[in-house]
């Protein structure tokens, strides 16, 4: 019986502490210093602080109204050129066809340059690897250093091959002209 009573007391104490904490989170104080600067705080310690009496604030997510009159591009925002918001239900920004085609071509060009660079790198690695028997360097008197370098070349080849496959996959995902 004593343990049950003890647990209930702790529960009530924790409930009281929580409710006072939750109430304290709603308090806002306006503090004005000697220079007249105003600051808003959640504690009213210090000179020139007074508690503000505010009505409870209920937040409701704002919804954007549908705007069927918006048919053009957002000319005022240079980062959004070619972007329109459709008059549909989602107002999700859409990119006009010509802008998207330019973006796709730029993306294709960049990916092809990266693919060419990665293929060149893979060719150099395979040449250095020499079918699993790379030439030993002068600083590899310790055989373990040589084995470590061979293993690193193997890993670099595997990474480069994976990069090439990823780039080819990305190129396939770009829609044709």
N, C-alpha and C. Protein backbone atom coordinates (compact mmCIF):
# COMPACT_ATOMS: atom_id res chain seq x y z
N UNK A 1 0.82 -1.18 0.00
CA UNK A 1 0.00 0.00 0.00
C UNK A 1 0.87 1.25 0.00
N UNK A 2 1.98 1.24 0.72
CA UNK A 2 2.85 2.41 0.79
C UNK A 2 3.49 2.71 -0.57
N UNK A 3 3.85 1.69 -1.32
CA UNK A 3 4.46 1.94 -2.63
C UNK A 3 3.46 2.56 -3.59
N UNK A 4 2.23 2.13 -3.54
CA UNK A 4 1.21 2.70 -4.43
C UNK A 4 1.01 4.17 -4.09
N UNK A 5 0.92 4.46 -2.80
CA UNK A 5 0.74 5.85 -2.35
C UNK A 5 1.95 6.68 -2.74
N UNK A 6 3.13 6.12 -2.60
CA UNK A 6 4.37 6.82 -2.95
C UNK A 6 4.40 7.13 -4.45
N UNK A 7 4.03 6.16 -5.28
CA UNK A 7 4.01 6.37 -6.73
C UNK A 7 2.99 7.43 -7.12
N UNK A 8 1.84 7.42 -6.48
CA UNK A 8 0.82 8.43 -6.78
C UNK A 8 1.30 9.83 -6.41
N UNK A 9 1.98 9.93 -5.29
CA UNK A 9 2.51 11.24 -4.88
C UNK A 9 3.52 11.75 -5.89
N UNK A 10 4.41 10.88 -6.34
CA UNK A 10 5.40 11.29 -7.34
C UNK A 10 4.72 11.70 -8.65
N UNK A 11 3.68 10.95 -9.02
CA UNK A 11 2.95 11.27 -10.24
C UNK A 11 2.29 12.64 -10.13
N UNK A 12 1.66 12.92 -9.01
CA UNK A 12 1.02 14.23 -8.81
C UNK A 12 2.04 15.36 -8.78
N UNK A 13 3.17 15.11 -8.16
CA UNK A 13 4.23 16.12 -8.12
C UNK A 13 4.75 16.41 -9.53
N UNK A 14 4.97 15.35 -10.31
CA UNK A 14 5.45 15.52 -11.68
C UNK A 14 4.41 16.25 -12.52
N UNK A 15 3.14 15.94 -12.31
CA UNK A 15 2.06 16.61 -13.04
C UNK A 15 2.01 18.09 -12.70
N UNK A 16 2.17 18.43 -11.44
CA UNK A 16 2.19 19.84 -11.02
C UNK A 16 3.36 20.59 -11.64
N UNK A 17 4.54 19.97 -11.62
CA UNK A 17 5.72 20.60 -12.20
C UNK A 17 5.55 20.80 -13.69
N UNK A 18 5.01 19.81 -14.38
CA UNK A 18 4.81 19.92 -15.82
C UNK A 18 3.80 21.01 -16.16
N UNK A 19 2.71 21.07 -15.40
CA UNK A 19 1.69 22.08 -15.71
C UNK A 19 2.23 23.48 -15.46
N UNK A 20 3.06 23.66 -14.44
CA UNK A 20 3.64 24.99 -14.20
C UNK A 20 4.66 25.32 -15.29
N UNK A 21 5.39 24.32 -15.78
CA UNK A 21 6.33 24.55 -16.87
C UNK A 21 5.59 24.93 -18.14
N UNK A 22 4.51 24.20 -18.44
CA UNK A 22 3.74 24.50 -19.64
C UNK A 22 3.13 25.89 -19.56
N UNK A 23 2.69 26.30 -18.37
CA UNK A 23 2.13 27.64 -18.21
C UNK A 23 3.22 28.70 -18.39
N UNK A 24 4.41 28.43 -17.91
CA UNK A 24 5.50 29.40 -18.03
C UNK A 24 5.92 29.60 -19.47
N UNK A 25 5.71 28.61 -20.32
CA UNK A 25 6.08 28.76 -21.72
C UNK A 25 5.21 29.77 -22.44
N UNK A 26 4.05 30.11 -21.88
CA UNK A 26 3.14 31.04 -22.52
C UNK A 26 3.39 32.48 -22.10
N UNK A 27 4.28 32.72 -21.19
CA UNK A 27 4.52 34.07 -20.69
C UNK A 27 5.56 34.77 -21.55
N UNK A 28 5.28 36.02 -21.88
CA UNK A 28 6.21 36.84 -22.65
C UNK A 28 6.38 38.16 -21.91
N UNK A 29 7.63 38.58 -21.78
CA UNK A 29 7.94 39.82 -21.09
C UNK A 29 8.57 40.81 -22.06
N UNK A 30 8.18 42.08 -21.94
CA UNK A 30 8.78 43.16 -22.70
C UNK A 30 9.75 43.87 -21.77
N UNK A 31 11.02 43.90 -22.17
CA UNK A 31 12.05 44.54 -21.35
C UNK A 31 12.65 45.71 -22.12
N UNK A 32 12.77 46.85 -21.44
CA UNK A 32 13.34 48.05 -22.04
C UNK A 32 14.57 48.42 -21.21
N UNK A 33 15.75 48.52 -21.88
CA UNK A 33 16.98 48.86 -21.15
C UNK A 33 17.14 50.38 -21.05
N UNK A 34 18.28 50.81 -20.48
CA UNK A 34 18.53 52.24 -20.24
C UNK A 34 18.58 53.05 -21.53
N UNK A 35 19.01 52.44 -22.64
CA UNK A 35 19.10 53.14 -23.92
C UNK A 35 17.76 53.13 -24.67
N UNK A 36 16.75 52.46 -24.13
CA UNK A 36 15.45 52.42 -24.77
C UNK A 36 15.27 51.25 -25.73
N UNK A 37 16.23 50.34 -25.77
CA UNK A 37 16.12 49.17 -26.63
C UNK A 37 15.10 48.19 -26.04
N UNK A 38 14.23 47.70 -26.90
CA UNK A 38 13.19 46.76 -26.47
C UNK A 38 13.59 45.34 -26.82
N UNK A 39 13.41 44.44 -25.87
CA UNK A 39 13.62 43.01 -26.13
C UNK A 39 12.44 42.25 -25.54
N UNK A 40 12.12 41.14 -26.18
CA UNK A 40 11.06 40.26 -25.71
C UNK A 40 11.72 38.99 -25.18
N UNK A 41 11.31 38.58 -23.98
CA UNK A 41 11.93 37.43 -23.32
C UNK A 41 10.85 36.54 -22.74
N UNK A 42 11.25 35.31 -22.39
CA UNK A 42 10.31 34.42 -21.72
C UNK A 42 10.47 34.45 -20.21
N UNK A 43 11.44 35.24 -19.72
CA UNK A 43 11.62 35.45 -18.28
C UNK A 43 11.65 36.94 -18.02
N UNK A 44 11.07 37.35 -16.90
CA UNK A 44 10.98 38.79 -16.62
C UNK A 44 11.96 39.25 -15.57
N UNK A 45 13.17 38.73 -15.61
CA UNK A 45 14.17 39.15 -14.63
C UNK A 45 14.86 40.41 -15.14
N UNK A 46 15.18 41.30 -14.23
CA UNK A 46 15.87 42.51 -14.61
C UNK A 46 14.97 43.73 -14.56
N UNK A 47 15.59 44.90 -14.64
CA UNK A 47 14.84 46.15 -14.59
C UNK A 47 14.11 46.39 -15.90
N UNK A 48 13.02 47.08 -15.83
CA UNK A 48 12.30 47.49 -17.03
C UNK A 48 11.54 46.38 -17.72
N UNK A 49 11.30 45.25 -17.06
CA UNK A 49 10.58 44.15 -17.67
C UNK A 49 9.15 44.12 -17.15
N UNK A 50 8.22 43.92 -18.06
CA UNK A 50 6.83 43.76 -17.65
C UNK A 50 6.20 42.64 -18.46
N UNK A 51 5.30 41.93 -17.81
CA UNK A 51 4.64 40.80 -18.46
C UNK A 51 3.57 41.33 -19.41
N UNK A 52 3.54 40.78 -20.61
CA UNK A 52 2.53 41.16 -21.59
C UNK A 52 1.34 40.23 -21.45
N UNK A 53 0.17 40.79 -21.46
CA UNK A 53 -1.06 40.01 -21.40
C UNK A 53 -1.53 39.80 -22.84
N UNK A 54 -1.34 38.61 -23.35
CA UNK A 54 -1.69 38.29 -24.72
C UNK A 54 -2.78 37.23 -24.76
N UNK A 55 -3.59 37.31 -25.78
CA UNK A 55 -4.62 36.29 -25.99
C UNK A 55 -3.92 35.03 -26.49
N UNK A 56 -4.49 33.86 -26.22
CA UNK A 56 -3.89 32.62 -26.73
C UNK A 56 -3.85 32.65 -28.26
N UNK A 57 -2.79 32.09 -28.79
CA UNK A 57 -2.59 32.09 -30.23
C UNK A 57 -2.84 30.70 -30.78
N UNK A 58 -3.79 30.60 -31.65
CA UNK A 58 -4.08 29.34 -32.33
C UNK A 58 -3.49 29.44 -33.72
N UNK A 59 -2.65 28.49 -34.08
CA UNK A 59 -2.05 28.53 -35.41
C UNK A 59 -2.74 27.54 -36.31
N UNK A 60 -3.05 28.02 -37.47
CA UNK A 60 -3.66 27.19 -38.50
C UNK A 60 -2.81 27.35 -39.74
N UNK A 61 -2.41 26.26 -40.40
CA UNK A 61 -1.59 26.40 -41.60
C UNK A 61 -2.31 27.22 -42.65
N UNK A 62 -1.59 28.17 -43.21
CA UNK A 62 -2.16 29.01 -44.25
C UNK A 62 -2.25 28.24 -45.55
N UNK A 63 -3.29 28.48 -46.28
CA UNK A 63 -3.41 27.86 -47.60
C UNK A 63 -3.38 28.97 -48.63
N UNK A 64 -2.67 28.71 -49.72
CA UNK A 64 -2.58 29.70 -50.79
C UNK A 64 -3.85 29.60 -51.64
N UNK A 65 -4.46 30.72 -51.91
CA UNK A 65 -5.65 30.66 -52.77
C UNK A 65 -5.25 30.34 -54.20
N UNK A 66 -6.12 29.63 -54.89
CA UNK A 66 -5.87 29.36 -56.30
C UNK A 66 -5.93 30.66 -57.06
N UNK A 67 -4.99 30.85 -57.95
CA UNK A 67 -4.92 32.09 -58.71
C UNK A 67 -4.94 31.75 -60.19
N UNK A 68 -6.12 31.61 -60.79
CA UNK A 68 -6.17 31.23 -62.19
C UNK A 68 -5.62 32.30 -63.11
N UNK A 69 -5.46 33.51 -62.64
CA UNK A 69 -4.95 34.58 -63.49
C UNK A 69 -3.46 34.54 -63.67
N UNK A 70 -2.74 33.70 -62.92
CA UNK A 70 -1.28 33.65 -63.00
C UNK A 70 -0.89 32.70 -64.12
N UNK A 71 -0.53 33.28 -65.25
CA UNK A 71 -0.17 32.43 -66.39
C UNK A 71 1.25 32.66 -66.85
N UNK A 72 1.89 33.71 -66.41
CA UNK A 72 3.22 34.03 -66.91
C UNK A 72 4.31 33.58 -65.98
N UNK A 73 5.53 33.83 -66.43
CA UNK A 73 6.70 33.48 -65.62
C UNK A 73 6.89 34.54 -64.55
N UNK A 74 7.57 34.17 -63.51
CA UNK A 74 7.91 35.11 -62.45
C UNK A 74 9.11 35.92 -62.89
N UNK A 75 8.86 37.00 -63.60
CA UNK A 75 9.94 37.77 -64.21
C UNK A 75 10.77 38.49 -63.17
N UNK A 76 10.17 38.88 -62.06
CA UNK A 76 10.89 39.66 -61.06
C UNK A 76 11.93 38.87 -60.31
N UNK A 77 11.86 37.56 -60.32
CA UNK A 77 12.79 36.72 -59.59
C UNK A 77 13.67 35.98 -60.59
N UNK A 78 14.94 36.41 -60.76
CA UNK A 78 15.78 35.80 -61.78
C UNK A 78 16.03 34.33 -61.56
N UNK A 79 15.95 33.84 -60.32
CA UNK A 79 16.17 32.42 -60.07
C UNK A 79 14.98 31.58 -60.48
N UNK A 80 13.87 32.22 -60.79
CA UNK A 80 12.66 31.49 -61.12
C UNK A 80 12.22 31.74 -62.55
N UNK A 81 13.10 32.16 -63.43
CA UNK A 81 12.72 32.40 -64.82
C UNK A 81 12.25 31.12 -65.45
N UNK A 82 11.19 31.21 -66.20
CA UNK A 82 10.65 30.04 -66.87
C UNK A 82 9.77 29.20 -65.97
N UNK A 83 9.55 29.65 -64.73
CA UNK A 83 8.74 28.90 -63.79
C UNK A 83 7.38 29.56 -63.70
N UNK A 84 6.35 28.77 -63.84
CA UNK A 84 4.99 29.28 -63.68
C UNK A 84 4.30 28.45 -62.64
N UNK A 85 3.29 29.03 -62.04
CA UNK A 85 2.46 28.25 -61.14
C UNK A 85 1.16 28.01 -61.86
N UNK A 86 0.83 26.76 -61.99
CA UNK A 86 -0.37 26.40 -62.72
C UNK A 86 -1.62 26.81 -61.98
N UNK A 87 -2.70 26.95 -62.68
CA UNK A 87 -3.95 27.33 -62.06
C UNK A 87 -4.67 26.13 -61.47
N UNK A 88 -4.01 24.99 -61.44
CA UNK A 88 -4.62 23.77 -60.92
C UNK A 88 -4.75 23.80 -59.42
N UNK A 89 -5.04 22.68 -58.85
CA UNK A 89 -5.29 22.61 -57.42
C UNK A 89 -4.03 22.62 -56.59
N UNK A 90 -2.88 22.33 -57.17
CA UNK A 90 -1.67 22.19 -56.34
C UNK A 90 -0.79 23.42 -56.33
N UNK A 91 -0.90 24.32 -57.30
CA UNK A 91 -0.05 25.52 -57.37
C UNK A 91 1.42 25.18 -57.30
N UNK A 92 1.80 24.00 -57.74
CA UNK A 92 3.20 23.60 -57.75
C UNK A 92 3.89 24.27 -58.92
N UNK A 93 5.07 24.88 -58.70
CA UNK A 93 5.74 25.57 -59.80
C UNK A 93 6.04 24.62 -60.95
N UNK A 94 5.80 25.09 -62.16
CA UNK A 94 6.06 24.29 -63.36
C UNK A 94 7.05 25.07 -64.23
N UNK A 95 7.89 24.32 -64.91
CA UNK A 95 8.88 24.92 -65.79
C UNK A 95 8.38 24.76 -67.21
N UNK A 96 8.43 25.86 -67.97
CA UNK A 96 7.95 25.76 -69.34
C UNK A 96 8.87 24.85 -70.15
N UNK A 97 8.36 24.34 -71.25
CA UNK A 97 9.04 23.30 -72.03
C UNK A 97 10.39 23.75 -72.55
N UNK A 98 10.49 24.98 -73.06
CA UNK A 98 11.77 25.42 -73.63
C UNK A 98 12.83 25.57 -72.53
N UNK A 99 12.44 26.08 -71.36
CA UNK A 99 13.41 26.20 -70.26
C UNK A 99 13.87 24.83 -69.80
N UNK A 100 12.93 23.87 -69.72
CA UNK A 100 13.30 22.53 -69.29
C UNK A 100 14.22 21.86 -70.29
N UNK A 101 13.98 22.09 -71.58
CA UNK A 101 14.83 21.51 -72.62
C UNK A 101 16.25 22.04 -72.48
N UNK A 102 16.40 23.36 -72.22
CA UNK A 102 17.72 23.95 -72.04
C UNK A 102 18.41 23.34 -70.82
N UNK A 103 17.66 23.18 -69.75
CA UNK A 103 18.23 22.58 -68.53
C UNK A 103 18.66 21.14 -68.77
N UNK A 104 17.83 20.39 -69.49
CA UNK A 104 18.18 18.99 -69.79
C UNK A 104 19.43 18.90 -70.64
N UNK A 105 19.55 19.78 -71.64
CA UNK A 105 20.74 19.78 -72.50
C UNK A 105 22.00 20.12 -71.69
N UNK A 106 21.89 21.09 -70.78
CA UNK A 106 23.03 21.47 -69.93
C UNK A 106 23.41 20.30 -69.02
N UNK A 107 22.40 19.66 -68.46
CA UNK A 107 22.66 18.50 -67.59
C UNK A 107 23.31 17.38 -68.38
N UNK A 108 22.81 17.11 -69.59
CA UNK A 108 23.39 16.07 -70.44
C UNK A 108 24.85 16.38 -70.74
N UNK A 109 25.15 17.63 -71.08
CA UNK A 109 26.52 18.03 -71.41
C UNK A 109 27.45 17.82 -70.21
N UNK A 110 26.99 18.24 -69.04
CA UNK A 110 27.82 18.08 -67.83
C UNK A 110 28.04 16.61 -67.52
N UNK A 111 26.99 15.80 -67.61
CA UNK A 111 27.14 14.37 -67.33
C UNK A 111 28.06 13.68 -68.34
N UNK A 112 27.99 14.08 -69.60
CA UNK A 112 28.87 13.49 -70.62
C UNK A 112 30.33 13.87 -70.35
N UNK A 113 30.57 15.11 -69.91
CA UNK A 113 31.94 15.51 -69.56
C UNK A 113 32.45 14.70 -68.37
N UNK A 114 31.59 14.52 -67.35
CA UNK A 114 31.98 13.73 -66.20
C UNK A 114 32.24 12.27 -66.59
N UNK A 115 31.40 11.74 -67.49
CA UNK A 115 31.57 10.36 -67.94
C UNK A 115 32.89 10.20 -68.68
N UNK A 116 33.21 11.14 -69.54
CA UNK A 116 34.47 11.09 -70.28
C UNK A 116 35.66 11.14 -69.32
N UNK A 117 35.58 12.02 -68.34
CA UNK A 117 36.66 12.15 -67.35
C UNK A 117 36.80 10.86 -66.53
N UNK A 118 35.67 10.29 -66.13
CA UNK A 118 35.70 9.07 -65.32
C UNK A 118 36.23 7.89 -66.13
N UNK A 119 35.87 7.81 -67.41
CA UNK A 119 36.39 6.73 -68.26
C UNK A 119 37.90 6.87 -68.46
N UNK A 120 38.38 8.10 -68.59
CA UNK A 120 39.83 8.34 -68.71
C UNK A 120 40.54 7.90 -67.43
N UNK A 121 39.94 8.24 -66.28
CA UNK A 121 40.51 7.85 -65.00
C UNK A 121 40.55 6.33 -64.87
N UNK A 122 39.47 5.66 -65.29
CA UNK A 122 39.42 4.20 -65.22
C UNK A 122 40.49 3.58 -66.11
N UNK A 123 40.68 4.14 -67.30
CA UNK A 123 41.72 3.64 -68.20
C UNK A 123 43.11 3.76 -67.58
N UNK A 124 43.38 4.90 -66.95
CA UNK A 124 44.67 5.09 -66.28
C UNK A 124 44.86 4.11 -65.13
N UNK A 125 43.79 3.88 -64.35
CA UNK A 125 43.89 2.95 -63.23
C UNK A 125 44.14 1.52 -63.73
N UNK A 126 43.45 1.12 -64.78
CA UNK A 126 43.65 -0.23 -65.31
C UNK A 126 45.05 -0.40 -65.87
N UNK A 127 45.57 0.67 -66.50
CA UNK A 127 46.93 0.61 -67.02
C UNK A 127 47.92 0.45 -65.88
N UNK A 128 47.71 1.21 -64.80
CA UNK A 128 48.60 1.11 -63.63
C UNK A 128 48.46 -0.26 -62.96
N UNK A 129 47.24 -0.80 -62.92
CA UNK A 129 46.98 -2.08 -62.28
C UNK A 129 47.67 -3.24 -63.00
N UNK A 130 47.78 -3.14 -64.33
CA UNK A 130 48.56 -4.10 -65.13
C UNK A 130 48.11 -5.53 -64.85
N UNK A 131 46.79 -5.77 -64.95
CA UNK A 131 46.22 -7.10 -64.73
C UNK A 131 46.58 -7.70 -63.38
N UNK A 132 46.61 -6.90 -62.36
CA UNK A 132 46.88 -7.38 -61.01
C UNK A 132 48.35 -7.44 -60.64
N UNK A 133 49.22 -7.02 -61.53
CA UNK A 133 50.65 -7.04 -61.27
C UNK A 133 51.28 -5.66 -61.53
N UNK A 134 50.89 -4.65 -60.76
CA UNK A 134 51.52 -3.34 -61.00
C UNK A 134 53.00 -3.38 -60.67
N UNK A 135 53.73 -2.51 -61.33
CA UNK A 135 55.19 -2.46 -61.07
C UNK A 135 55.42 -1.93 -59.67
N UNK A 136 56.44 -2.49 -59.03
CA UNK A 136 56.79 -2.02 -57.69
C UNK A 136 57.56 -0.73 -57.79
N UNK A 137 57.30 0.15 -56.85
CA UNK A 137 57.99 1.43 -56.79
C UNK A 137 59.20 1.31 -55.87
N UNK A 138 60.04 2.30 -55.97
CA UNK A 138 61.25 2.31 -55.13
C UNK A 138 60.95 2.44 -53.65
N UNK A 139 59.84 3.11 -53.32
CA UNK A 139 59.51 3.30 -51.90
C UNK A 139 58.75 2.12 -51.31
N UNK A 140 58.58 1.03 -52.08
CA UNK A 140 57.83 -0.12 -51.62
C UNK A 140 58.75 -1.31 -51.35
N UNK A 141 59.79 -1.08 -50.59
CA UNK A 141 60.70 -2.18 -50.24
C UNK A 141 59.98 -3.18 -49.35
N UNK A 142 59.07 -2.66 -48.54
CA UNK A 142 58.24 -3.52 -47.71
C UNK A 142 57.13 -4.06 -48.59
N UNK A 143 57.01 -5.37 -48.66
CA UNK A 143 56.03 -6.01 -49.55
C UNK A 143 54.60 -5.64 -49.18
N UNK A 144 54.34 -5.39 -47.89
CA UNK A 144 52.99 -5.03 -47.45
C UNK A 144 52.57 -3.69 -48.04
N UNK A 145 53.51 -2.75 -48.18
CA UNK A 145 53.18 -1.47 -48.81
C UNK A 145 52.73 -1.70 -50.24
N UNK A 146 53.38 -2.58 -50.94
CA UNK A 146 53.01 -2.90 -52.31
C UNK A 146 51.61 -3.50 -52.34
N UNK A 147 51.33 -4.46 -51.45
CA UNK A 147 50.01 -5.09 -51.41
C UNK A 147 48.92 -4.08 -51.07
N UNK A 148 49.22 -3.15 -50.18
CA UNK A 148 48.25 -2.11 -49.83
C UNK A 148 47.94 -1.23 -51.04
N UNK A 149 48.97 -0.89 -51.80
CA UNK A 149 48.75 -0.06 -53.00
C UNK A 149 47.94 -0.82 -54.03
N UNK A 150 48.21 -2.10 -54.22
CA UNK A 150 47.45 -2.92 -55.17
C UNK A 150 45.98 -2.96 -54.74
N UNK A 151 45.74 -3.15 -53.45
CA UNK A 151 44.37 -3.18 -52.94
C UNK A 151 43.67 -1.84 -53.16
N UNK A 152 44.38 -0.74 -52.95
CA UNK A 152 43.80 0.59 -53.16
C UNK A 152 43.46 0.80 -54.63
N UNK A 153 44.31 0.31 -55.52
CA UNK A 153 44.02 0.43 -56.96
C UNK A 153 42.77 -0.37 -57.31
N UNK A 154 42.65 -1.59 -56.73
CA UNK A 154 41.44 -2.41 -56.97
C UNK A 154 40.19 -1.65 -56.53
N UNK A 155 40.26 -1.06 -55.34
CA UNK A 155 39.10 -0.31 -54.82
C UNK A 155 38.80 0.90 -55.70
N UNK A 156 39.83 1.60 -56.15
CA UNK A 156 39.63 2.76 -57.02
C UNK A 156 39.00 2.35 -58.35
N UNK A 157 39.42 1.20 -58.89
CA UNK A 157 38.84 0.70 -60.15
C UNK A 157 37.36 0.39 -59.93
N UNK A 158 37.04 -0.30 -58.83
CA UNK A 158 35.64 -0.65 -58.55
C UNK A 158 34.80 0.62 -58.37
N UNK A 159 35.33 1.62 -57.67
CA UNK A 159 34.61 2.87 -57.46
C UNK A 159 34.40 3.59 -58.78
N UNK A 160 35.42 3.61 -59.61
CA UNK A 160 35.33 4.28 -60.89
C UNK A 160 34.30 3.59 -61.80
N UNK A 161 34.29 2.26 -61.79
CA UNK A 161 33.31 1.52 -62.57
C UNK A 161 31.89 1.82 -62.10
N UNK A 162 31.70 1.90 -60.77
CA UNK A 162 30.38 2.23 -60.22
C UNK A 162 29.98 3.65 -60.61
N UNK A 163 30.94 4.57 -60.60
CA UNK A 163 30.64 5.95 -61.00
C UNK A 163 30.21 5.99 -62.47
N UNK A 164 30.89 5.24 -63.31
CA UNK A 164 30.55 5.22 -64.73
C UNK A 164 29.14 4.67 -64.93
N UNK A 165 28.81 3.60 -64.23
CA UNK A 165 27.45 3.04 -64.34
C UNK A 165 26.41 4.04 -63.86
N UNK A 166 26.69 4.75 -62.77
CA UNK A 166 25.76 5.76 -62.27
C UNK A 166 25.58 6.91 -63.26
N UNK A 167 26.66 7.36 -63.87
CA UNK A 167 26.57 8.43 -64.85
C UNK A 167 25.77 7.98 -66.08
N UNK A 168 26.01 6.76 -66.54
CA UNK A 168 25.25 6.24 -67.68
C UNK A 168 23.76 6.14 -67.34
N UNK A 169 23.47 5.71 -66.13
CA UNK A 169 22.08 5.62 -65.70
C UNK A 169 21.43 7.01 -65.69
N UNK A 170 22.14 8.00 -65.18
CA UNK A 170 21.62 9.37 -65.17
C UNK A 170 21.39 9.88 -66.59
N UNK A 171 22.31 9.58 -67.48
CA UNK A 171 22.15 10.00 -68.88
C UNK A 171 20.92 9.35 -69.51
N UNK A 172 20.66 8.09 -69.18
CA UNK A 172 19.48 7.42 -69.73
C UNK A 172 18.18 8.03 -69.20
N UNK A 173 18.23 8.61 -67.99
CA UNK A 173 17.03 9.18 -67.38
C UNK A 173 16.68 10.55 -67.94
N UNK A 174 17.59 11.19 -68.66
CA UNK A 174 17.29 12.49 -69.24
C UNK A 174 16.41 12.26 -70.46
N UNK A 175 15.27 12.94 -70.53
CA UNK A 175 14.39 12.72 -71.68
C UNK A 175 15.05 13.19 -72.97
N UNK A 176 14.76 12.50 -74.07
CA UNK A 176 15.35 12.90 -75.36
C UNK A 176 14.76 14.24 -75.81
N UNK A 177 15.47 14.88 -76.74
CA UNK A 177 15.02 16.20 -77.23
C UNK A 177 13.63 16.07 -77.69
